[in-house]
């Protein structure tokens, strides 16, 4: 028995070595991402793209995109930033203000604010590193901010300050909660010989002029702005699909009489109308140029357009937009089928009601004419013999 135990103990290291040799080597995140099939359904936000592996303690090489809660207009947001950091730190791009020189290439940029401030906040010491922040504001959509090399504490403090403000365009609590639930996107950037997306990080040409570097950062930030808006759309579509599934299950689980009387005699209000309204409103993103197309100012700048397209391709934004439209097509076809079924139920209910009223009227007329003696029917139902009319 002792010799058998000694033999087993000697075999354990050999088994461990063989199991380690047979275990397959773990693939890198980038290699694993390259073999994944193309996502044609709604991408899950829990599946992180390689670009999101940019978390680092060195915030000077950190890019972070946030979906903000409020809908800020360009004028009021620029005024708020200037009151904190001064007029020289805030630049509003566009045809009426911004970089307007003899060789201006920002004339087509609209609703973008650039903030050049200390990376740790307005109270930083003189000579501290600076950060570039781009705010994409619009009167029809919530604001998106992209931070380059900012202290995370400064980011949160600034975002909380802007959230506490009361903009001219009001938002409901549900809208604020939905926007703030969109996860932030974080990646890395480093200096390089030219600006491009290289692997899992962004390279910025440090030999270029400060103005050219700002425009390179803006090209990458515009793609992140589009990505954040698509994330918000995916959340809204998920809520709509959940409502559609609930309506379908309620309809399939109810009996025929319950479906017939629902909403008529029982006073039940169906959520299908509100879901259909949300479904039609969700289609409006197809008219939003920030979601559907490349910004106009990049068309005449092929190098920066290539930077923008690289981030769009990395996050599969075009495929995700197509998947959203496919899901909305399915939801709309389902709601249309439910609507037709409800109209059929309504017409069936009316037909049965008309038949019942006609039968009741015929019975009343026959009774009035003496053709029907209801007492005989009652006696038969009670199981008693009818009394003799002569005895009565």
Protein backbone atom coordinates (compact mmCIF):
# COMPACT_ATOMS: atom_id res chain seq x y z
CA UNK A 1 0.00 0.00 0.00
CA UNK A 2 2.87 2.37 0.82
CA UNK A 3 4.59 1.68 -2.50
CA UNK A 4 1.34 2.45 -4.34
CA UNK A 5 1.05 5.82 -2.56
CA UNK A 6 4.63 6.70 -3.39
CA UNK A 7 3.97 5.88 -7.06
CA UNK A 8 0.88 8.08 -7.12
CA UNK A 9 2.77 11.01 -5.57
CA UNK A 10 5.50 10.66 -8.19
CA UNK A 11 2.92 10.73 -11.00
CA UNK A 12 1.23 13.96 -9.86
CA UNK A 13 3.93 16.34 -11.20
CA UNK A 14 3.88 14.50 -14.52
CA UNK A 15 0.08 14.88 -14.79
CA UNK A 16 0.31 18.59 -14.00
CA UNK A 17 2.97 19.12 -16.66
CA UNK A 18 0.91 17.26 -19.25
CA UNK A 19 -2.23 19.27 -18.42
CA UNK A 20 -0.32 22.56 -18.72
CA UNK A 21 1.07 21.48 -22.09
CA UNK A 22 -2.36 20.46 -23.37
CA UNK A 23 -4.01 23.73 -22.29
CA UNK A 24 -4.36 26.10 -25.30
CA UNK A 25 -2.60 29.42 -25.13
CA UNK A 26 -4.85 32.38 -24.36
CA UNK A 27 -5.38 34.64 -27.32
CA UNK A 28 -4.80 38.35 -26.99
CA UNK A 29 -7.86 40.61 -26.82
CA UNK A 30 -7.18 41.97 -30.28
CA UNK A 31 -6.83 38.51 -31.81
CA UNK A 32 -10.00 37.37 -30.07
CA UNK A 33 -11.84 40.40 -31.38
CA UNK A 34 -10.66 39.73 -34.94
CA UNK A 35 -12.17 36.25 -35.09
CA UNK A 36 -15.56 37.29 -33.76
CA UNK A 37 -18.35 37.13 -36.36
CA UNK A 38 -19.77 40.40 -37.63
CA UNK A 39 -22.59 41.60 -35.39
CA UNK A 40 -25.79 42.02 -37.38
CA UNK A 41 -28.07 42.26 -34.35
CA UNK A 42 -28.00 44.96 -31.73
CA UNK A 43 -24.49 44.90 -30.21
CA UNK A 44 -24.40 44.36 -26.49
CA UNK A 45 -22.74 47.19 -24.65
CA UNK A 46 -21.13 44.75 -22.23
CA UNK A 47 -18.96 43.45 -25.09
CA UNK A 48 -16.12 45.91 -25.04
CA UNK A 49 -14.29 46.96 -28.14
CA UNK A 50 -10.46 46.90 -28.08
CA UNK A 51 -10.53 50.69 -27.97
CA UNK A 52 -12.13 50.59 -24.54
CA UNK A 53 -9.07 49.01 -22.95
CA UNK A 54 -7.51 52.44 -22.51
CA UNK A 55 -8.00 52.78 -18.75
CA UNK A 56 -4.78 54.06 -17.23
CA UNK A 57 -3.62 55.87 -14.12
CA UNK A 58 -1.78 58.36 -16.33
CA UNK A 59 -4.69 60.62 -17.23
CA UNK A 60 -2.50 62.85 -19.42
CA UNK A 61 -2.82 60.22 -22.21
CA UNK A 62 -6.47 59.42 -21.59
CA UNK A 63 -9.48 60.12 -23.82
CA UNK A 64 -12.92 59.89 -22.26
CA UNK A 65 -16.30 60.48 -23.92
CA UNK A 66 -19.40 61.20 -21.83
CA UNK A 67 -23.09 61.41 -22.67
CA UNK A 68 -24.35 64.43 -20.76
CA UNK A 69 -27.80 64.70 -19.25
CA UNK A 70 -29.08 68.04 -20.51
CA UNK A 71 -29.69 69.48 -23.96
CA UNK A 72 -27.50 72.59 -24.02
CA UNK A 73 -27.58 75.20 -26.72
CA UNK A 74 -24.23 76.34 -28.04
CA UNK A 75 -24.65 79.89 -26.77
CA UNK A 76 -25.61 79.07 -23.19
CA UNK A 77 -22.96 76.34 -22.84
CA UNK A 78 -20.23 78.64 -24.18
CA UNK A 79 -21.34 81.40 -21.80
CA UNK A 80 -21.18 78.99 -18.84
CA UNK A 81 -17.66 77.83 -19.75
CA UNK A 82 -16.40 81.39 -20.29
CA UNK A 83 -17.67 82.42 -16.88
CA UNK A 84 -15.49 79.72 -15.31
CA UNK A 85 -12.35 79.67 -17.45
CA UNK A 86 -12.35 83.00 -19.25
CA UNK A 87 -13.16 84.00 -22.79
CA UNK A 88 -9.72 83.04 -24.13
CA UNK A 89 -10.11 79.39 -23.10
CA UNK A 90 -13.33 78.81 -25.03
CA UNK A 91 -13.64 78.65 -28.82
CA UNK A 92 -16.93 78.15 -30.63
CA UNK A 93 -16.54 76.67 -34.09
CA UNK A 94 -18.85 77.73 -36.86
CA UNK A 95 -19.51 80.21 -39.63
CA UNK A 96 -20.13 83.15 -37.29
CA UNK A 97 -17.35 82.54 -34.74
CA UNK A 98 -14.31 80.35 -34.19
CA UNK A 99 -11.09 80.10 -36.21
CA UNK A 100 -11.80 82.62 -38.93
CA UNK A 101 -8.64 83.42 -40.89
CA UNK A 102 -7.74 83.75 -44.54
CA UNK A 103 -7.28 79.98 -44.96
CA UNK A 104 -10.10 78.87 -42.72
CA UNK A 105 -11.04 75.19 -42.87
CA UNK A 106 -13.51 75.20 -39.98
CA UNK A 107 -16.28 77.16 -41.63
CA UNK A 108 -18.46 74.03 -41.98
CA UNK A 109 -18.11 73.02 -38.31
CA UNK A 110 -21.28 73.73 -36.36
CA UNK A 111 -22.34 73.31 -32.73
CA UNK A 112 -18.88 72.40 -31.42
CA UNK A 113 -17.20 74.12 -28.47
CA UNK A 114 -13.51 73.68 -27.68
CA UNK A 115 -12.26 74.26 -24.14
CA UNK A 116 -8.52 74.61 -23.47
CA UNK A 117 -8.12 74.55 -19.69
CA UNK A 118 -5.77 73.17 -17.02
CA UNK A 119 -6.04 69.40 -16.82
CA UNK A 120 -6.75 69.48 -13.08
CA UNK A 121 -9.26 72.32 -13.13
CA UNK A 122 -9.49 76.10 -13.00
CA UNK A 123 -7.58 76.32 -9.69
CA UNK A 124 -4.44 74.60 -11.03
CA UNK A 125 -1.04 76.21 -10.65
CA UNK A 126 0.41 78.31 -13.42
CA UNK A 127 2.20 76.21 -16.01
CA UNK A 128 0.17 73.05 -15.31
CA UNK A 129 -0.60 70.71 -18.22
CA UNK A 130 -3.67 71.63 -20.21
CA UNK A 131 -6.54 69.56 -21.53
CA UNK A 132 -8.67 69.80 -24.65
CA UNK A 133 -12.39 69.27 -24.23
CA UNK A 134 -14.88 69.19 -27.11
CA UNK A 135 -18.57 69.76 -26.43
CA UNK A 136 -20.99 68.71 -29.18
CA UNK A 137 -24.15 70.66 -28.45
CA UNK A 138 -27.45 70.79 -30.28
CA UNK A 139 -30.97 71.95 -29.60
CA UNK A 140 -32.36 68.59 -30.75
CA UNK A 141 -30.08 66.13 -28.93
CA UNK A 142 -28.25 65.80 -25.60
CA UNK A 143 -24.74 67.15 -25.36
CA UNK A 144 -21.69 64.89 -25.71
CA UNK A 145 -18.29 65.83 -24.30
CA UNK A 146 -14.91 64.31 -25.23
CA UNK A 147 -11.99 64.94 -22.84
CA UNK A 148 -8.32 64.70 -23.86
CA UNK A 149 -5.83 64.33 -21.00
CA UNK A 150 -8.09 65.62 -18.20
CA UNK A 151 -7.99 64.62 -14.56
CA UNK A 152 -10.96 62.27 -13.89
CA UNK A 153 -11.82 64.26 -10.75
CA UNK A 154 -11.98 67.44 -12.85
CA UNK A 155 -14.18 65.65 -15.40
CA UNK A 156 -16.69 64.53 -12.80
CA UNK A 157 -16.72 67.91 -11.08
CA UNK A 158 -17.32 69.73 -14.36
CA UNK A 159 -20.02 67.32 -15.51
CA UNK A 160 -21.79 67.54 -12.16
CA UNK A 161 -21.67 71.34 -12.35
CA UNK A 162 -23.23 71.34 -15.83
CA UNK A 163 -25.83 68.78 -14.75
CA UNK A 164 -26.89 70.99 -11.84
CA UNK A 165 -27.62 73.87 -14.20
CA UNK A 166 -31.08 74.48 -15.60
CA UNK A 167 -30.81 74.93 -19.36
CA UNK A 168 -33.44 76.59 -21.49
CA UNK A 169 -34.49 73.25 -23.01
CA UNK A 170 -36.00 71.16 -20.22
CA UNK A 171 -35.63 67.39 -19.95
CA UNK A 172 -37.72 64.93 -17.97
CA UNK A 173 -36.29 62.78 -15.19
CA UNK A 174 -36.71 59.67 -17.34
CA UNK A 175 -34.72 61.27 -20.17
CA UNK A 176 -31.96 62.34 -17.78
CA UNK A 177 -31.73 58.86 -16.27
CA UNK A 178 -31.59 57.20 -19.69
CA UNK A 179 -28.84 59.52 -20.93
CA UNK A 180 -26.72 59.25 -17.79
CA UNK A 181 -27.00 55.44 -17.95
CA UNK A 182 -25.00 55.37 -21.19
CA UNK A 183 -21.51 54.12 -20.24
CA UNK A 184 -18.54 56.34 -20.84
CA UNK A 185 -15.96 55.35 -23.46
CA UNK A 186 -12.28 55.48 -22.51
CA UNK A 187 -9.19 54.97 -24.68
CA UNK A 188 -5.56 56.07 -24.89
CA UNK A 189 -3.65 58.53 -27.01
CA UNK A 190 0.06 59.17 -27.54
CA UNK A 191 2.22 61.45 -29.60
CA UNK A 192 3.48 60.27 -32.96
CA UNK A 193 4.91 61.32 -36.29
CA UNK A 194 1.42 61.66 -37.78
CA UNK A 195 -2.13 61.41 -36.54
CA UNK A 196 -3.86 58.05 -36.99
CA UNK A 197 -5.61 55.20 -35.21
CA UNK A 198 -2.90 52.63 -34.51
CA UNK A 199 -4.13 49.39 -33.01
CA UNK A 200 -5.80 50.15 -29.70
CA UNK A 201 -4.65 53.75 -29.30
CA UNK A 202 -4.85 57.12 -31.02
CA UNK A 203 -1.70 58.82 -32.27
CA UNK A 204 -1.53 62.61 -32.55
CA UNK A 205 1.09 64.37 -34.66
CA UNK A 206 3.08 66.39 -32.11
CA UNK A 207 5.15 68.11 -34.82
CA UNK A 208 2.09 69.84 -36.24
CA UNK A 209 0.92 73.28 -35.18
CA UNK A 210 -1.38 73.59 -32.14
CA UNK A 211 -4.27 74.49 -34.43
CA UNK A 212 -3.72 71.38 -36.59
CA UNK A 213 -3.50 69.19 -33.48
CA UNK A 214 -6.82 70.56 -32.26
CA UNK A 215 -8.46 69.72 -35.60
CA UNK A 216 -6.96 66.21 -35.52
CA UNK A 217 -8.38 65.71 -32.04
CA UNK A 218 -11.71 67.06 -33.25
CA UNK A 219 -11.82 64.49 -36.07
CA UNK A 220 -11.40 61.63 -33.60
CA UNK A 221 -13.82 63.26 -31.14
CA UNK A 222 -16.51 63.60 -33.82
CA UNK A 223 -16.39 59.83 -34.37
CA UNK A 224 -16.71 59.25 -30.61
CA UNK A 225 -19.64 61.68 -30.57
CA UNK A 226 -21.36 59.56 -33.21
CA UNK A 227 -20.59 56.39 -31.24
CA UNK A 228 -22.14 57.82 -28.05
CA UNK A 229 -25.33 58.79 -29.89
CA UNK A 230 -25.61 55.28 -31.30
CA UNK A 231 -25.24 53.87 -27.78
CA UNK A 232 -28.15 56.05 -26.66
CA UNK A 233 -30.20 54.82 -29.62
CA UNK A 234 -29.48 51.20 -28.74
CA UNK A 235 -30.77 51.79 -25.21
CA UNK A 236 -33.98 53.33 -26.55
CA UNK A 237 -34.50 50.47 -29.02
CA UNK A 238 -34.02 47.92 -26.24
CA UNK A 239 -36.78 49.58 -24.22
CA UNK A 240 -39.08 49.62 -27.25
CA UNK A 241 -38.46 45.94 -28.01
CA UNK A 242 -39.16 45.07 -24.37
CA UNK A 243 -42.50 46.88 -24.59
CA UNK A 244 -43.37 45.10 -27.84
CA UNK A 245 -42.56 41.70 -26.32
CA UNK A 246 -44.71 42.47 -23.30
CA UNK A 247 -47.65 43.49 -25.48
CA UNK A 248 -47.31 40.33 -27.58
CA UNK A 249 -47.17 38.09 -24.51
CA UNK A 250 -50.20 39.77 -22.95
CA UNK A 251 -52.16 39.26 -26.16
CA UNK A 252 -51.15 35.62 -26.56
CA UNK A 253 -51.86 34.73 -22.95
CA UNK A 254 -55.36 36.22 -22.80
CA UNK A 255 -58.52 34.32 -23.62
CA UNK A 256 -60.77 35.20 -26.53
CA UNK A 257 -63.44 36.77 -24.30
CA UNK A 258 -60.81 38.77 -22.43
CA UNK A 259 -59.31 40.07 -25.66
CA UNK A 260 -62.82 40.81 -26.92
CA UNK A 261 -63.87 42.85 -23.90
CA UNK A 262 -60.52 44.45 -23.12
CA UNK A 263 -60.54 48.17 -23.69
CA UNK A 264 -64.33 48.27 -24.23
CA UNK A 265 -66.49 47.04 -21.37
CA UNK A 266 -63.67 46.81 -18.82
CA UNK A 267 -62.14 50.18 -19.59
CA UNK A 268 -58.64 48.71 -20.10
CA UNK A 269 -56.10 51.01 -21.76
CA UNK A 270 -53.46 49.31 -23.85
CA UNK A 271 -49.87 50.54 -23.98
CA UNK A 272 -49.68 49.77 -27.69
CA UNK A 273 -50.46 53.37 -28.69
CA UNK A 274 -47.59 54.82 -26.65
CA UNK A 275 -45.24 52.09 -27.86
CA UNK A 276 -46.16 52.86 -31.47
CA UNK A 277 -45.50 56.55 -30.85
CA UNK A 278 -42.09 55.80 -29.36
CA UNK A 279 -41.36 53.51 -32.30
CA UNK A 280 -42.15 56.24 -34.82
CA UNK A 281 -40.13 58.83 -32.87
CA UNK A 282 -37.16 56.46 -32.74
CA UNK A 283 -37.10 56.50 -36.53
CA UNK A 284 -36.16 60.17 -36.49
CA UNK A 285 -32.46 59.35 -36.05
CA UNK A 286 -32.39 58.54 -39.78
CA UNK A 287 -32.73 62.29 -40.37
CA UNK A 288 -29.92 63.15 -37.92
CA UNK A 289 -26.76 63.94 -39.89
CA UNK A 290 -24.58 63.44 -36.78
CA UNK A 291 -25.64 59.78 -36.69
CA UNK A 292 -26.05 58.91 -40.36
CA UNK A 293 -23.22 60.68 -42.17
CA UNK A 294 -19.70 62.05 -41.96
CA UNK A 295 -19.44 65.71 -40.87
CA UNK A 296 -19.38 68.10 -43.81
CA UNK A 297 -16.14 69.80 -42.77
CA UNK A 298 -14.20 66.53 -43.23
CA UNK A 299 -15.13 66.11 -46.89
CA UNK A 300 -12.42 68.49 -48.06
CA UNK A 301 -9.83 67.13 -45.61
CA UNK A 302 -9.14 63.51 -46.64
CA UNK A 303 -6.48 62.88 -43.99
CA UNK A 304 -8.76 63.83 -41.11
CA UNK A 305 -11.65 62.04 -42.76
CA UNK A 306 -9.52 58.88 -42.70
CA UNK A 307 -9.01 59.36 -38.94
CA UNK A 308 -12.76 59.69 -38.48
CA UNK A 309 -13.53 56.67 -40.67
CA UNK A 310 -11.00 54.51 -38.79
CA UNK A 311 -12.80 55.03 -35.46
CA UNK A 312 -16.21 54.55 -37.13
CA UNK A 313 -15.05 51.25 -38.62
CA UNK A 314 -13.49 50.12 -35.31
CA UNK A 315 -16.76 50.61 -33.45
CA UNK A 316 -18.80 49.14 -36.35
CA UNK A 317 -21.10 52.16 -36.25
CA UNK A 318 -22.52 51.66 -39.75
CA UNK A 319 -23.38 48.00 -39.07
CA UNK A 320 -24.97 48.92 -35.74
CA UNK A 321 -27.13 51.59 -37.37
CA UNK A 322 -28.28 49.01 -39.93
CA UNK A 323 -29.02 46.57 -37.10
CA UNK A 324 -31.07 49.22 -35.27
CA UNK A 325 -33.16 49.83 -38.38
CA UNK A 326 -33.69 46.08 -38.79
CA UNK A 327 -34.89 45.80 -35.20
CA UNK A 328 -37.22 48.77 -35.65
CA UNK A 329 -38.58 47.21 -38.86
CA UNK A 330 -39.34 44.03 -36.93
CA UNK A 331 -40.98 45.96 -34.08
CA UNK A 332 -43.06 48.05 -36.48
CA UNK A 333 -44.22 44.97 -38.42
CA UNK A 334 -45.17 43.30 -35.14
CA UNK A 335 -47.11 46.34 -33.93
CA UNK A 336 -48.87 46.61 -37.31
CA UNK A 337 -49.90 42.96 -37.06
CA UNK A 338 -51.19 43.56 -33.53
CA UNK A 339 -53.08 46.62 -34.74
CA UNK A 340 -54.77 44.63 -37.51
CA UNK A 341 -55.63 41.88 -35.04
CA UNK A 342 -57.14 44.45 -32.69
CA UNK A 343 -59.20 45.94 -35.51
CA UNK A 344 -60.46 42.46 -36.36
CA UNK A 345 -61.39 41.88 -32.72
CA UNK A 346 -63.21 45.21 -32.65
CA UNK A 347 -65.21 44.39 -35.78
CA UNK A 348 -65.99 40.93 -34.38
CA UNK A 349 -67.21 42.50 -31.16
CA UNK A 350 -69.48 44.85 -33.11
CA UNK A 351 -70.89 41.98 -35.16
CA UNK A 352 -71.67 39.90 -32.08
CA UNK A 353 -73.22 42.94 -30.40
CA UNK A 354 -75.47 43.61 -33.40
CA UNK A 355 -76.54 39.95 -33.61
CA UNK A 356 -77.33 39.90 -29.88
CA UNK A 357 -79.43 43.11 -30.08
CA UNK A 358 -81.37 41.83 -33.09
CA UNK A 359 -82.07 38.51 -31.37
CA UNK A 360 -83.18 40.30 -28.21
CA UNK A 361 -85.51 42.57 -30.17
CA UNK A 362 -87.03 39.59 -32.02
CA UNK A 363 -87.58 37.77 -28.73
CA UNK A 364 -89.31 40.81 -27.21
CA UNK A 365 -91.62 41.17 -30.22
CA UNK A 366 -92.50 37.47 -30.19
CA UNK A 367 -93.31 37.66 -26.51
CA UNK A 368 -95.46 40.76 -27.05
CA UNK A 369 -97.37 38.95 -29.81
CA UNK A 370 -98.00 35.98 -27.51
CA UNK A 371 -95.95 33.55 -29.55
CA UNK A 372 -93.63 32.75 -26.66
CA UNK A 373 -94.68 31.95 -23.10
CA UNK A 374 -91.64 32.54 -20.95
CA UNK A 375 -93.24 30.76 -17.98
CA UNK A 376 -93.00 27.42 -19.74
CA UNK A 377 -89.32 28.00 -20.32
CA UNK A 378 -88.72 28.83 -16.66
CA UNK A 379 -90.54 25.70 -15.49
CA UNK A 380 -88.55 23.54 -17.86
CA UNK A 381 -85.29 25.10 -16.67
CA UNK A 382 -86.32 24.49 -13.06
CA UNK A 383 -87.22 20.88 -13.86
CA UNK A 384 -90.89 21.26 -12.85
CA UNK A 385 -94.01 20.40 -14.73
CA UNK A 386 -96.00 23.29 -16.16
CA UNK A 387 -99.39 23.96 -14.44
CA UNK A 388 -102.52 23.21 -16.37
CA UNK A 389 -103.91 26.34 -17.99
CA UNK A 390 -107.55 25.14 -17.46
CA UNK A 391 -107.02 24.80 -13.70
CA UNK A 392 -105.72 28.33 -13.57
